[in-house]
């Protein structure tokens, strides 16, 4: 997905630590994951929700593209809650 440098917000680093999600896992989701929600109109940067898997573990990464500084910003990272997502974790339950 991205060849830009990746910047991890403090919030993302805290959540990664709490949830035992490695930087490498996040990088792999950004590289090979799927954009499942597009937040192009978000400010100050267009952003989105990426879905990927690390082994059997599903992961979601909320990220933004700062084209002005040529960087990808990781906002938060989490393992999706099965009670809020359909099978495959690509679509929210209504």
Protein backbone atom coordinates (compact mmCIF):
# COMPACT_ATOMS: atom_id res chain seq x y z
CA UNK A 1 0.00 0.00 0.00
CA UNK A 2 2.63 2.51 0.96
CA UNK A 3 6.25 3.13 0.12
CA UNK A 4 6.29 6.34 2.15
CA UNK A 5 8.02 6.55 5.54
CA UNK A 6 5.68 5.45 8.33
CA UNK A 7 5.05 7.68 11.34
CA UNK A 8 3.44 6.10 14.42
CA UNK A 9 1.31 8.43 16.54
CA UNK A 10 1.78 8.09 20.30
CA UNK A 11 -1.76 6.72 20.58
CA UNK A 12 -0.91 3.97 18.06
CA UNK A 13 2.28 3.03 19.92
CA UNK A 14 0.39 2.82 23.22
CA UNK A 15 -2.32 0.62 21.71
CA UNK A 16 0.23 -1.59 19.96
CA UNK A 17 1.99 -2.15 23.28
CA UNK A 18 -1.28 -2.85 25.14
CA UNK A 19 -2.49 -5.22 22.43
CA UNK A 20 0.85 -6.90 21.75
CA UNK A 21 0.92 -5.86 18.10
CA UNK A 22 4.39 -5.39 16.66
CA UNK A 23 5.60 -2.63 14.36
CA UNK A 24 6.42 -5.32 11.81
CA UNK A 25 2.81 -6.58 11.93
CA UNK A 26 1.54 -3.07 11.26
CA UNK A 27 3.98 -2.56 8.38
CA UNK A 28 2.86 -5.83 6.82
CA UNK A 29 -0.83 -4.85 7.05
CA UNK A 30 0.01 -1.50 5.40
CA UNK A 31 1.95 -3.28 2.63
CA UNK A 32 -0.36 -6.18 1.86
CA UNK A 33 -3.66 -5.44 3.61
CA UNK A 34 -6.90 -4.27 2.08
CA UNK A 35 -8.47 -0.81 2.42
CA UNK A 36 -11.95 -1.59 3.78
CA UNK A 37 -13.15 1.91 4.72
CA UNK A 38 -12.22 5.12 2.96
CA UNK A 39 -12.17 8.36 4.92
CA UNK A 40 -10.91 10.53 2.05
CA UNK A 41 -12.76 13.59 3.33
CA UNK A 42 -11.15 13.48 6.78
CA UNK A 43 -9.04 16.38 7.89
CA UNK A 44 -6.26 17.22 8.11
CA UNK A 45 -5.34 14.20 5.92
CA UNK A 46 -7.26 11.65 3.89
CA UNK A 47 -7.33 8.41 5.85
CA UNK A 48 -8.74 4.93 5.89
CA UNK A 49 -9.11 1.62 7.66
CA UNK A 50 -6.94 -1.24 6.48
CA UNK A 51 -7.58 -4.89 7.24
CA UNK A 52 -5.03 -7.67 7.23
CA UNK A 53 -3.98 -10.84 8.97
CA UNK A 54 -0.86 -11.88 10.80
CA UNK A 55 -1.16 -15.63 10.93
CA UNK A 56 -4.65 -16.35 12.29
CA UNK A 57 -4.91 -12.94 13.94
CA UNK A 58 -6.99 -10.29 12.14
CA UNK A 59 -5.71 -6.72 12.48
CA UNK A 60 -7.10 -3.31 11.61
CA UNK A 61 -4.92 -0.25 11.07
CA UNK A 62 -6.36 3.25 10.89
CA UNK A 63 -3.95 5.28 8.79
CA UNK A 64 -3.66 8.63 7.03
CA UNK A 65 -1.67 9.78 4.01
CA UNK A 66 0.18 13.06 4.50
CA UNK A 67 1.22 13.77 0.91
CA UNK A 68 2.63 17.17 1.84
CA UNK A 69 5.27 15.56 4.08
CA UNK A 70 5.31 12.34 2.03
CA UNK A 71 4.50 10.08 4.99
CA UNK A 72 1.96 7.52 6.12
CA UNK A 73 0.63 8.13 9.62
CA UNK A 74 -0.55 5.22 11.78
CA UNK A 75 -3.33 6.53 14.00
CA UNK A 76 -4.37 3.36 15.82
CA UNK A 77 -4.17 -0.41 15.56
CA UNK A 78 -6.50 -3.06 16.94
CA UNK A 79 -7.81 -6.58 16.63
CA UNK A 80 -11.41 -6.25 15.40
CA UNK A 81 -14.19 -7.34 17.76
CA UNK A 82 -16.19 -10.23 16.21
CA UNK A 83 -19.38 -8.81 17.78
CA UNK A 84 -18.99 -5.66 15.62
CA UNK A 85 -17.75 -7.15 12.33
CA UNK A 86 -19.05 -9.69 9.85
CA UNK A 87 -17.02 -12.82 9.17
CA UNK A 88 -13.71 -11.85 7.58
CA UNK A 89 -13.66 -8.53 9.48
CA UNK A 90 -14.11 -6.45 6.29
CA UNK A 91 -17.68 -5.25 6.87
CA UNK A 92 -19.27 -3.84 9.99
CA UNK A 93 -22.42 -5.38 11.37
CA UNK A 94 -25.38 -3.04 10.97
